Amino acid sequence: MIGNRSGAGSCRKKVAVSALAVLIVAIPTPALAQEADPRPQARLVEVKAVLGFSTFIDNDFIEHAVTGASVRLRLTGRWSIEPQFLYMRAGAHDQDLYLLGNLVYDLDTRGRVTPYWIVGGGILWNRATFGRNREQVFTSRGWHFSGGAGARIRLGKRWSLASEARFGIEPFFQVHAGFGYAF
């Protein structure tokens, strides 16, 4: 009996040590695999502040400073929609407001840098004043369509920096840089 007890105890110790070894190896492995995964966890919403430059083509190039904000809403792993508001200014006498809807396709989501295509459209409002004393006021409303490419650089788990260039109709060319925070 003493031999059976020591054999049973030895067997229990082996089972306990084996179970402990399996737990030690198995439990941390998924956590380590997640840390080693180069792809960031997909965030569903990103808020972005935008600064940039835009040019209109009339008789001459009319340059505008651009500021605005957007909210990017992820639909799938690569597709997103991005409602955007932009304010463009070419001095105190020429100002534009834009309300846009953009569709974004991420080309590669595996690394720190994510290149993307963007197309969008929306409505614009323009207000300009003319004349010797700026007594003539011109206002208009129209449609805007543009397309282009950009790249977003992850600065951390939630922060990013993005730049993009677009060609379109009203304005003709835009370059933006944006600073984003993902939820």
N, C-alpha and C. Protein backbone atom coordinates (compact mmCIF):
# COMPACT_ATOMS: atom_id res chain seq x y z
N MET A 1 0.80 -1.18 0.00
CA MET A 1 0.00 0.00 0.00
C MET A 1 0.85 1.25 0.00
N ILE A 2 1.94 1.19 0.73
CA ILE A 2 2.78 2.35 0.76
C ILE A 2 3.30 2.65 -0.64
N GLY A 3 3.64 1.61 -1.39
CA GLY A 3 4.11 1.80 -2.76
C GLY A 3 3.02 2.36 -3.64
N ASN A 4 1.79 1.93 -3.45
CA ASN A 4 0.69 2.46 -4.24
C ASN A 4 0.45 3.93 -3.93
N ARG A 5 0.55 4.22 -2.65
CA ARG A 5 0.35 5.63 -2.29
C ARG A 5 1.41 6.51 -2.91
N SER A 6 2.66 6.09 -2.79
CA SER A 6 3.71 6.92 -3.37
C SER A 6 3.60 6.95 -4.88
N GLY A 7 3.15 5.88 -5.50
CA GLY A 7 2.94 5.85 -6.95
C GLY A 7 1.79 6.75 -7.34
N ALA A 8 0.70 6.71 -6.56
CA ALA A 8 -0.46 7.57 -6.84
C ALA A 8 -0.10 9.02 -6.61
N GLY A 9 0.66 9.26 -5.55
CA GLY A 9 1.08 10.64 -5.28
C GLY A 9 2.00 11.15 -6.36
N SER A 10 2.88 10.29 -6.81
CA SER A 10 3.80 10.66 -7.88
C SER A 10 3.04 10.94 -9.15
N CYS A 11 2.03 10.13 -9.42
CA CYS A 11 1.21 10.33 -10.63
C CYS A 11 0.45 11.65 -10.53
N ARG A 12 -0.11 11.94 -9.35
CA ARG A 12 -0.82 13.21 -9.15
C ARG A 12 0.12 14.39 -9.32
N LYS A 13 1.34 14.26 -8.81
CA LYS A 13 2.31 15.34 -8.96
C LYS A 13 2.65 15.55 -10.43
N LYS A 14 2.82 14.45 -11.16
CA LYS A 14 3.13 14.57 -12.60
C LYS A 14 1.98 15.23 -13.34
N VAL A 15 0.74 14.85 -13.04
CA VAL A 15 -0.43 15.45 -13.69
C VAL A 15 -0.51 16.93 -13.33
N ALA A 16 -0.29 17.25 -12.06
CA ALA A 16 -0.36 18.65 -11.62
C ALA A 16 0.74 19.48 -12.27
N VAL A 17 1.96 18.95 -12.31
CA VAL A 17 3.08 19.66 -12.94
C VAL A 17 2.83 19.82 -14.43
N SER A 18 2.32 18.77 -15.08
CA SER A 18 2.02 18.83 -16.52
C SER A 18 0.92 19.86 -16.79
N ALA A 19 -0.14 19.84 -15.97
CA ALA A 19 -1.22 20.81 -16.14
C ALA A 19 -0.72 22.23 -15.93
N LEU A 20 0.12 22.42 -14.93
CA LEU A 20 0.70 23.74 -14.67
C LEU A 20 1.58 24.18 -15.84
N ALA A 21 2.36 23.28 -16.40
CA ALA A 21 3.21 23.60 -17.55
C ALA A 21 2.36 23.99 -18.76
N VAL A 22 1.28 23.25 -18.99
CA VAL A 22 0.38 23.58 -20.11
C VAL A 22 -0.22 24.96 -19.89
N LEU A 23 -0.67 25.25 -18.69
CA LEU A 23 -1.24 26.56 -18.40
C LEU A 23 -0.22 27.68 -18.57
N ILE A 24 1.00 27.43 -18.10
CA ILE A 24 2.06 28.44 -18.23
C ILE A 24 2.36 28.72 -19.69
N VAL A 25 2.37 27.69 -20.52
CA VAL A 25 2.67 27.87 -21.94
C VAL A 25 1.46 28.39 -22.69
N ALA A 26 0.27 27.86 -22.41
CA ALA A 26 -0.91 28.18 -23.21
C ALA A 26 -1.50 29.55 -22.92
N ILE A 27 -1.51 29.97 -21.69
CA ILE A 27 -2.19 31.23 -21.34
C ILE A 27 -1.45 32.45 -21.91
N PRO A 28 -0.15 32.59 -21.74
CA PRO A 28 0.48 33.79 -22.27
C PRO A 28 0.61 33.82 -23.78
N THR A 29 0.53 32.68 -24.47
CA THR A 29 0.76 32.64 -25.90
C THR A 29 -0.17 33.56 -26.68
N PRO A 30 -1.51 33.54 -26.46
CA PRO A 30 -2.36 34.48 -27.20
C PRO A 30 -2.01 35.93 -26.90
N ALA A 31 -1.68 36.25 -25.67
CA ALA A 31 -1.33 37.63 -25.33
C ALA A 31 -0.05 38.04 -26.05
N LEU A 32 0.94 37.17 -26.09
CA LEU A 32 2.18 37.48 -26.81
C LEU A 32 1.92 37.58 -28.30
N ALA A 33 1.08 36.72 -28.84
CA ALA A 33 0.76 36.76 -30.26
C ALA A 33 0.08 38.07 -30.61
N GLN A 34 -0.78 38.58 -29.72
CA GLN A 34 -1.45 39.85 -30.01
C GLN A 34 -0.45 40.99 -30.01
N GLU A 35 0.50 40.97 -29.11
CA GLU A 35 1.49 42.04 -29.09
C GLU A 35 2.39 41.98 -30.31
N ALA A 36 2.66 40.79 -30.82
CA ALA A 36 3.55 40.64 -31.95
C ALA A 36 2.85 40.93 -33.27
N ASP A 37 1.51 40.96 -33.27
CA ASP A 37 0.75 41.19 -34.49
C ASP A 37 1.01 42.61 -34.97
N PRO A 38 1.53 42.78 -36.22
CA PRO A 38 1.85 44.13 -36.69
C PRO A 38 0.62 44.96 -37.04
N ARG A 39 -0.53 44.34 -37.22
CA ARG A 39 -1.74 45.08 -37.57
C ARG A 39 -2.38 45.67 -36.33
N PRO A 40 -2.76 46.94 -36.38
CA PRO A 40 -3.43 47.53 -35.22
C PRO A 40 -4.86 47.02 -35.13
N GLN A 41 -5.40 47.04 -33.93
CA GLN A 41 -6.79 46.68 -33.77
C GLN A 41 -7.63 47.74 -34.48
N ALA A 42 -8.59 47.31 -35.27
CA ALA A 42 -9.40 48.24 -36.05
C ALA A 42 -10.26 49.08 -35.12
N ARG A 43 -10.12 50.37 -35.22
CA ARG A 43 -10.95 51.30 -34.46
C ARG A 43 -12.13 51.68 -35.33
N LEU A 44 -13.29 51.81 -34.76
CA LEU A 44 -14.49 52.07 -35.53
C LEU A 44 -14.68 53.54 -35.88
N VAL A 45 -14.20 54.45 -35.06
CA VAL A 45 -14.41 55.88 -35.26
C VAL A 45 -13.10 56.62 -35.08
N GLU A 46 -12.81 57.56 -35.99
CA GLU A 46 -11.63 58.42 -35.86
C GLU A 46 -12.07 59.86 -36.12
N VAL A 47 -11.72 60.75 -35.22
CA VAL A 47 -12.01 62.18 -35.36
C VAL A 47 -10.71 62.85 -35.79
N LYS A 48 -10.80 63.75 -36.80
CA LYS A 48 -9.59 64.32 -37.36
C LYS A 48 -9.74 65.83 -37.56
N ALA A 49 -8.73 66.59 -37.15
CA ALA A 49 -8.64 68.02 -37.44
C ALA A 49 -7.78 68.18 -38.68
N VAL A 50 -8.16 69.09 -39.59
CA VAL A 50 -7.52 69.20 -40.90
C VAL A 50 -7.00 70.61 -41.12
N LEU A 51 -5.79 70.72 -41.65
CA LEU A 51 -5.21 71.98 -42.13
C LEU A 51 -4.65 71.74 -43.52
N GLY A 52 -4.70 72.77 -44.37
CA GLY A 52 -4.16 72.55 -45.70
C GLY A 52 -4.19 73.77 -46.59
N PHE A 53 -4.13 73.48 -47.88
CA PHE A 53 -4.02 74.46 -48.94
C PHE A 53 -4.91 74.01 -50.08
N SER A 54 -5.54 74.96 -50.75
CA SER A 54 -6.40 74.64 -51.88
C SER A 54 -6.24 75.71 -52.94
N THR A 55 -6.48 75.34 -54.18
CA THR A 55 -6.42 76.32 -55.25
C THR A 55 -7.61 76.15 -56.18
N PHE A 56 -8.19 77.25 -56.59
CA PHE A 56 -9.26 77.29 -57.56
C PHE A 56 -8.67 77.79 -58.87
N ILE A 57 -9.23 77.37 -59.98
CA ILE A 57 -8.78 77.89 -61.28
C ILE A 57 -9.93 78.70 -61.87
N ASP A 58 -9.76 79.99 -61.90
CA ASP A 58 -10.68 80.88 -62.61
C ASP A 58 -9.87 81.46 -63.75
N ASN A 59 -9.65 82.75 -63.76
CA ASN A 59 -8.73 83.33 -64.72
C ASN A 59 -7.29 83.12 -64.28
N ASP A 60 -7.12 82.90 -63.00
CA ASP A 60 -5.81 82.70 -62.40
C ASP A 60 -6.00 81.71 -61.25
N PHE A 61 -4.93 81.21 -60.70
CA PHE A 61 -5.03 80.33 -59.54
C PHE A 61 -5.38 81.18 -58.31
N ILE A 62 -6.43 80.81 -57.61
CA ILE A 62 -6.84 81.51 -56.40
C ILE A 62 -6.55 80.58 -55.23
N GLU A 63 -5.57 80.96 -54.42
CA GLU A 63 -5.12 80.10 -53.33
C GLU A 63 -5.93 80.36 -52.06
N HIS A 64 -6.27 79.28 -51.36
CA HIS A 64 -7.06 79.34 -50.13
C HIS A 64 -6.37 78.54 -49.03
N ALA A 65 -6.42 79.04 -47.83
CA ALA A 65 -6.03 78.25 -46.66
C ALA A 65 -7.24 77.39 -46.29
N VAL A 66 -6.98 76.18 -45.82
CA VAL A 66 -8.04 75.23 -45.50
C VAL A 66 -7.92 74.80 -44.04
N THR A 67 -9.05 74.77 -43.36
CA THR A 67 -9.13 74.20 -42.02
C THR A 67 -10.46 73.47 -41.91
N GLY A 68 -10.52 72.47 -41.07
CA GLY A 68 -11.77 71.73 -40.96
C GLY A 68 -11.66 70.55 -40.03
N ALA A 69 -12.67 69.70 -40.12
CA ALA A 69 -12.73 68.51 -39.28
C ALA A 69 -13.49 67.42 -40.01
N SER A 70 -13.20 66.18 -39.64
CA SER A 70 -13.91 65.04 -40.22
C SER A 70 -14.05 63.95 -39.18
N VAL A 71 -14.98 63.06 -39.44
CA VAL A 71 -15.20 61.88 -38.60
C VAL A 71 -15.19 60.68 -39.53
N ARG A 72 -14.23 59.78 -39.31
CA ARG A 72 -14.12 58.59 -40.15
C ARG A 72 -14.82 57.42 -39.45
N LEU A 73 -15.76 56.80 -40.16
CA LEU A 73 -16.53 55.68 -39.62
C LEU A 73 -16.20 54.43 -40.43
N ARG A 74 -15.59 53.45 -39.79
CA ARG A 74 -15.17 52.23 -40.48
C ARG A 74 -16.39 51.36 -40.76
N LEU A 75 -16.52 50.94 -42.04
CA LEU A 75 -17.59 50.05 -42.44
C LEU A 75 -17.13 48.59 -42.44
N THR A 76 -15.94 48.36 -43.00
CA THR A 76 -15.32 47.03 -43.03
C THR A 76 -13.85 47.21 -42.69
N GLY A 77 -13.04 46.17 -42.91
CA GLY A 77 -11.62 46.26 -42.64
C GLY A 77 -10.91 47.30 -43.47
N ARG A 78 -11.38 47.56 -44.69
CA ARG A 78 -10.72 48.52 -45.59
C ARG A 78 -11.59 49.71 -45.99
N TRP A 79 -12.90 49.58 -45.96
CA TRP A 79 -13.80 50.64 -46.39
C TRP A 79 -14.29 51.48 -45.22
N SER A 80 -14.33 52.81 -45.45
CA SER A 80 -14.83 53.75 -44.45
C SER A 80 -15.59 54.87 -45.16
N ILE A 81 -16.46 55.52 -44.40
CA ILE A 81 -17.06 56.76 -44.86
C ILE A 81 -16.54 57.87 -43.96
N GLU A 82 -16.46 59.07 -44.52
CA GLU A 82 -15.86 60.17 -43.77
C GLU A 82 -16.61 61.47 -44.05
N PRO A 83 -17.64 61.79 -43.26
CA PRO A 83 -18.25 63.12 -43.37
C PRO A 83 -17.21 64.17 -42.98
N GLN A 84 -17.21 65.28 -43.71
CA GLN A 84 -16.16 66.29 -43.51
C GLN A 84 -16.72 67.69 -43.67
N PHE A 85 -16.25 68.60 -42.83
CA PHE A 85 -16.57 70.01 -42.93
C PHE A 85 -15.26 70.77 -43.16
N LEU A 86 -15.23 71.63 -44.18
CA LEU A 86 -14.03 72.43 -44.47
C LEU A 86 -14.40 73.90 -44.57
N TYR A 87 -13.51 74.74 -44.08
CA TYR A 87 -13.61 76.19 -44.22
C TYR A 87 -12.38 76.64 -44.99
N MET A 88 -12.60 77.33 -46.13
CA MET A 88 -11.49 77.81 -46.96
C MET A 88 -11.55 79.33 -47.01
N ARG A 89 -10.37 79.92 -46.97
CA ARG A 89 -10.31 81.38 -46.91
C ARG A 89 -9.16 81.90 -47.77
N ALA A 90 -9.50 82.86 -48.64
CA ALA A 90 -8.49 83.55 -49.44
C ALA A 90 -8.54 85.03 -49.07
N GLY A 91 -8.36 85.31 -47.80
CA GLY A 91 -8.45 86.67 -47.31
C GLY A 91 -9.83 86.93 -46.75
N ALA A 92 -10.01 88.13 -46.22
CA ALA A 92 -11.27 88.48 -45.56
C ALA A 92 -12.43 88.60 -46.54
N HIS A 93 -12.15 88.70 -47.84
CA HIS A 93 -13.20 88.98 -48.81
C HIS A 93 -13.56 87.78 -49.68
N ASP A 94 -13.02 86.61 -49.40
CA ASP A 94 -13.35 85.40 -50.16
C ASP A 94 -13.29 84.20 -49.23
N GLN A 95 -14.48 83.66 -48.92
CA GLN A 95 -14.57 82.54 -47.98
C GLN A 95 -15.50 81.47 -48.53
N ASP A 96 -15.17 80.21 -48.22
CA ASP A 96 -15.96 79.08 -48.69
C ASP A 96 -16.20 78.10 -47.55
N LEU A 97 -17.38 77.50 -47.54
CA LEU A 97 -17.73 76.44 -46.59
C LEU A 97 -18.09 75.20 -47.39
N TYR A 98 -17.62 74.05 -46.93
CA TYR A 98 -17.89 72.78 -47.60
C TYR A 98 -18.46 71.78 -46.62
N LEU A 99 -19.46 71.04 -47.05
CA LEU A 99 -19.98 69.89 -46.32
C LEU A 99 -19.89 68.71 -47.28
N LEU A 100 -19.04 67.74 -46.95
CA LEU A 100 -18.70 66.66 -47.87
C LEU A 100 -18.98 65.29 -47.28
N GLY A 101 -19.20 64.35 -48.16
CA GLY A 101 -19.25 62.95 -47.80
C GLY A 101 -18.18 62.23 -48.60
N ASN A 102 -17.28 61.55 -47.93
CA ASN A 102 -16.17 60.87 -48.60
C ASN A 102 -16.26 59.37 -48.40
N LEU A 103 -15.77 58.63 -49.38
CA LEU A 103 -15.64 57.19 -49.30
C LEU A 103 -14.15 56.88 -49.36
N VAL A 104 -13.64 56.12 -48.39
CA VAL A 104 -12.20 55.85 -48.25
C VAL A 104 -11.94 54.36 -48.36
N TYR A 105 -10.91 54.00 -49.14
CA TYR A 105 -10.48 52.59 -49.27
C TYR A 105 -9.02 52.49 -48.86
N ASP A 106 -8.74 51.77 -47.77
CA ASP A 106 -7.36 51.55 -47.31
C ASP A 106 -6.70 50.49 -48.17
N LEU A 107 -5.52 50.79 -48.70
CA LEU A 107 -4.81 49.86 -49.58
C LEU A 107 -4.07 48.77 -48.81
N ASP A 108 -3.46 49.12 -47.70
CA ASP A 108 -2.69 48.15 -46.91
C ASP A 108 -2.83 48.53 -45.44
N THR A 109 -3.40 47.65 -44.65
CA THR A 109 -3.66 47.96 -43.25
C THR A 109 -2.70 47.25 -42.30
N ARG A 110 -1.66 46.62 -42.82
CA ARG A 110 -0.79 45.80 -41.98
C ARG A 110 0.28 46.58 -41.24
N GLY A 111 0.72 47.68 -41.76
CA GLY A 111 1.85 48.36 -41.14
C GLY A 111 1.46 49.63 -40.41
N ARG A 112 2.47 50.37 -40.07
CA ARG A 112 2.28 51.65 -39.37
C ARG A 112 1.74 52.72 -40.32
N VAL A 113 2.07 52.61 -41.61
CA VAL A 113 1.60 53.55 -42.63
C VAL A 113 0.51 52.88 -43.45
N THR A 114 -0.64 53.55 -43.58
CA THR A 114 -1.76 53.03 -44.34
C THR A 114 -2.05 53.96 -45.51
N PRO A 115 -1.67 53.57 -46.74
CA PRO A 115 -2.04 54.37 -47.91
C PRO A 115 -3.52 54.15 -48.23
N TYR A 116 -4.17 55.15 -48.80
CA TYR A 116 -5.60 55.02 -49.10
C TYR A 116 -6.00 55.85 -50.30
N TRP A 117 -7.11 55.45 -50.93
CA TRP A 117 -7.79 56.22 -51.98
C TRP A 117 -8.98 56.89 -51.32
N ILE A 118 -9.33 58.08 -51.81
CA ILE A 118 -10.49 58.80 -51.28
C ILE A 118 -11.23 59.47 -52.43
N VAL A 119 -12.55 59.35 -52.43
CA VAL A 119 -13.42 60.05 -53.37
C VAL A 119 -14.55 60.67 -52.56
N GLY A 120 -15.04 61.79 -53.03
CA GLY A 120 -16.09 62.43 -52.26
C GLY A 120 -16.82 63.49 -53.05
N GLY A 121 -17.88 63.93 -52.46
CA GLY A 121 -18.66 65.00 -53.05
C GLY A 121 -19.51 65.65 -51.99
N GLY A 122 -20.01 66.81 -52.35
CA GLY A 122 -20.85 67.52 -51.40
C GLY A 122 -21.24 68.88 -51.93
N ILE A 123 -21.57 69.73 -51.00
CA ILE A 123 -22.05 71.06 -51.36
C ILE A 123 -21.10 72.12 -50.82
N LEU A 124 -20.98 73.22 -51.56
CA LEU A 124 -20.13 74.33 -51.13
C LEU A 124 -20.93 75.61 -51.15
N TRP A 125 -20.55 76.49 -50.25
CA TRP A 125 -21.11 77.84 -50.19
C TRP A 125 -19.95 78.82 -50.29
N ASN A 126 -20.12 79.84 -51.14
CA ASN A 126 -19.07 80.84 -51.33
C ASN A 126 -19.64 82.22 -51.03
N ARG A 127 -18.81 83.05 -50.40
CA ARG A 127 -19.16 84.45 -50.16
C ARG A 127 -17.94 85.29 -50.49
N ALA A 128 -18.11 86.22 -51.39
CA ALA A 128 -17.02 87.11 -51.78
C ALA A 128 -17.56 88.54 -51.87
N THR A 129 -16.71 89.50 -51.53
CA THR A 129 -17.09 90.91 -51.65
C THR A 129 -16.16 91.59 -52.63
N PHE A 130 -16.74 92.54 -53.40
CA PHE A 130 -15.99 93.25 -54.45
C PHE A 130 -16.30 94.73 -54.37
N GLY A 131 -15.66 95.47 -55.22
CA GLY A 131 -15.92 96.90 -55.32
C GLY A 131 -14.92 97.71 -54.52
N ARG A 132 -14.97 99.00 -54.77
CA ARG A 132 -14.05 99.92 -54.12
C ARG A 132 -14.16 99.85 -52.61
N ASN A 133 -15.35 99.82 -52.10
CA ASN A 133 -15.58 99.76 -50.65
C ASN A 133 -16.13 98.39 -50.22
N ARG A 134 -15.95 97.42 -51.05
CA ARG A 134 -16.45 96.06 -50.78
C ARG A 134 -17.96 96.05 -50.59
N GLU A 135 -18.64 96.94 -51.35
CA GLU A 135 -20.08 97.04 -51.22
C GLU A 135 -20.82 95.97 -52.02
N GLN A 136 -20.17 95.33 -52.97
CA GLN A 136 -20.82 94.28 -53.76
C GLN A 136 -20.54 92.93 -53.12
N VAL A 137 -21.60 92.20 -52.85
CA VAL A 137 -21.48 90.90 -52.21
C VAL A 137 -21.95 89.84 -53.19
N PHE A 138 -21.12 88.85 -53.39
CA PHE A 138 -21.46 87.74 -54.26
C PHE A 138 -21.55 86.47 -53.40
N THR A 139 -22.66 85.77 -53.49
CA THR A 139 -22.80 84.49 -52.80
C THR A 139 -23.23 83.44 -53.82
N SER A 140 -22.76 82.23 -53.60
CA SER A 140 -23.16 81.14 -54.49
C SER A 140 -23.17 79.83 -53.73
N ARG A 141 -23.83 78.88 -54.33
CA ARG A 141 -23.87 77.53 -53.79
C ARG A 141 -23.68 76.59 -54.97
N GLY A 142 -22.91 75.54 -54.77
CA GLY A 142 -22.66 74.62 -55.86
C GLY A 142 -22.25 73.25 -55.35
N TRP A 143 -21.92 72.40 -56.29
CA TRP A 143 -21.51 71.04 -55.96
C TRP A 143 -20.01 70.89 -56.06
N HIS A 144 -19.49 69.98 -55.28
CA HIS A 144 -18.05 69.70 -55.28
C HIS A 144 -17.85 68.19 -55.43
N PHE A 145 -16.92 67.80 -56.29
CA PHE A 145 -16.53 66.39 -56.45
C PHE A 145 -15.02 66.34 -56.53
N SER A 146 -14.43 65.36 -55.84
CA SER A 146 -12.98 65.23 -55.90
C SER A 146 -12.57 63.79 -55.62
N GLY A 147 -11.34 63.49 -55.99
CA GLY A 147 -10.76 62.18 -55.72
C GLY A 147 -9.27 62.33 -55.55
N GLY A 148 -8.66 61.41 -54.82
CA GLY A 148 -7.23 61.50 -54.61
C GLY A 148 -6.70 60.35 -53.79
N ALA A 149 -5.55 60.59 -53.22
CA ALA A 149 -4.87 59.56 -52.44
C ALA A 149 -4.24 60.21 -51.21
N GLY A 150 -3.99 59.37 -50.22
CA GLY A 150 -3.37 59.85 -49.00
C GLY A 150 -2.68 58.73 -48.27
N ALA A 151 -2.10 59.07 -47.14
CA ALA A 151 -1.45 58.09 -46.27
C ALA A 151 -1.64 58.53 -44.82
N ARG A 152 -1.97 57.55 -43.99
CA ARG A 152 -2.16 57.78 -42.56
C ARG A 152 -1.03 57.06 -41.82
N ILE A 153 -0.39 57.76 -40.90
CA ILE A 153 0.71 57.20 -40.12
C ILE A 153 0.25 57.08 -38.68
N ARG A 154 0.28 55.86 -38.14
CA ARG A 154 -0.07 55.65 -36.74
C ARG A 154 1.06 56.18 -35.86
N LEU A 155 0.72 57.06 -34.94
CA LEU A 155 1.69 57.60 -33.99
C LEU A 155 1.66 56.84 -32.68
N GLY A 156 0.63 56.07 -32.47
CA GLY A 156 0.43 55.28 -31.26
C GLY A 156 -0.81 54.44 -31.44
N LYS A 157 -1.37 53.95 -30.36
CA LYS A 157 -2.55 53.11 -30.45
C LYS A 157 -3.77 53.88 -30.95
N ARG A 158 -3.87 55.15 -30.60
CA ARG A 158 -5.06 55.93 -30.95
C ARG A 158 -4.77 57.15 -31.81
N TRP A 159 -3.57 57.68 -31.81
CA TRP A 159 -3.24 58.92 -32.52
C TRP A 159 -2.67 58.62 -33.90
N SER A 160 -2.99 59.49 -34.86
CA SER A 160 -2.46 59.32 -36.21
C SER A 160 -2.26 60.68 -36.87
N LEU A 161 -1.44 60.68 -37.88
CA LEU A 161 -1.17 61.85 -38.72
C LEU A 161 -1.43 61.42 -40.15
N ALA A 162 -2.20 62.21 -40.90
CA ALA A 162 -2.54 61.84 -42.28
C ALA A 162 -2.28 63.01 -43.20
N SER A 163 -1.93 62.69 -44.44
CA SER A 163 -1.82 63.72 -45.47
C SER A 163 -2.48 63.17 -46.73
N GLU A 164 -3.09 64.06 -47.50
CA GLU A 164 -3.73 63.63 -48.74
C GLU A 164 -3.72 64.75 -49.76
N ALA A 165 -3.83 64.34 -51.02
CA ALA A 165 -3.92 65.27 -52.14
C ALA A 165 -5.13 64.86 -52.98
N ARG A 166 -5.91 65.86 -53.39
CA ARG A 166 -7.11 65.59 -54.19
C ARG A 166 -7.19 66.54 -55.38
N PHE A 167 -7.74 66.01 -56.48
CA PHE A 167 -8.08 66.82 -57.64
C PHE A 167 -9.59 66.76 -57.80
N GLY A 168 -10.18 67.87 -58.24
CA GLY A 168 -11.62 67.85 -58.40
C GLY A 168 -12.16 69.09 -59.06
N ILE A 169 -13.45 69.26 -58.89
CA ILE A 169 -14.16 70.41 -59.45
C ILE A 169 -14.57 71.29 -58.28
N GLU A 170 -14.11 72.51 -58.28
CA GLU A 170 -14.40 73.50 -57.24
C GLU A 170 -14.02 73.00 -55.86
N PRO A 171 -12.84 73.08 -55.41
CA PRO A 171 -11.64 73.59 -56.04
C PRO A 171 -10.96 72.52 -56.90
N PHE A 172 -9.97 72.96 -57.64
CA PHE A 172 -9.28 72.06 -58.54
C PHE A 172 -8.28 71.16 -57.83
N PHE A 173 -7.54 71.71 -56.87
CA PHE A 173 -6.49 70.95 -56.20
C PHE A 173 -6.49 71.27 -54.71
N GLN A 174 -6.35 70.23 -53.88
CA GLN A 174 -6.29 70.41 -52.43
C GLN A 174 -5.20 69.53 -51.85
N VAL A 175 -4.51 70.04 -50.85
CA VAL A 175 -3.55 69.26 -50.08
C VAL A 175 -3.90 69.48 -48.61
N HIS A 176 -4.11 68.37 -47.88
CA HIS A 176 -4.50 68.45 -46.47
C HIS A 176 -3.53 67.66 -45.61
N ALA A 177 -3.40 68.08 -44.39
CA ALA A 177 -2.75 67.29 -43.34
C ALA A 177 -3.73 67.24 -42.18
N GLY A 178 -3.85 66.08 -41.57
CA GLY A 178 -4.80 65.93 -40.49
C GLY A 178 -4.19 65.20 -39.30
N PHE A 179 -4.67 65.57 -38.13
CA PHE A 179 -4.23 64.94 -36.89
C PHE A 179 -5.45 64.26 -36.30
N GLY A 180 -5.39 62.92 -36.14
CA GLY A 180 -6.58 62.18 -35.74
C GLY A 180 -6.45 61.45 -34.43
N TYR A 181 -7.62 61.17 -33.84
CA TYR A 181 -7.72 60.38 -32.62
C TYR A 181 -8.80 59.34 -32.83
N ALA A 182 -8.48 58.05 -32.62
CA ALA A 182 -9.42 56.96 -32.86
C ALA A 182 -10.02 56.47 -31.55
N PHE A 183 -11.29 56.14 -31.59
CA PHE A 183 -12.01 55.62 -30.44
C PHE A 183 -12.19 54.12 -30.58
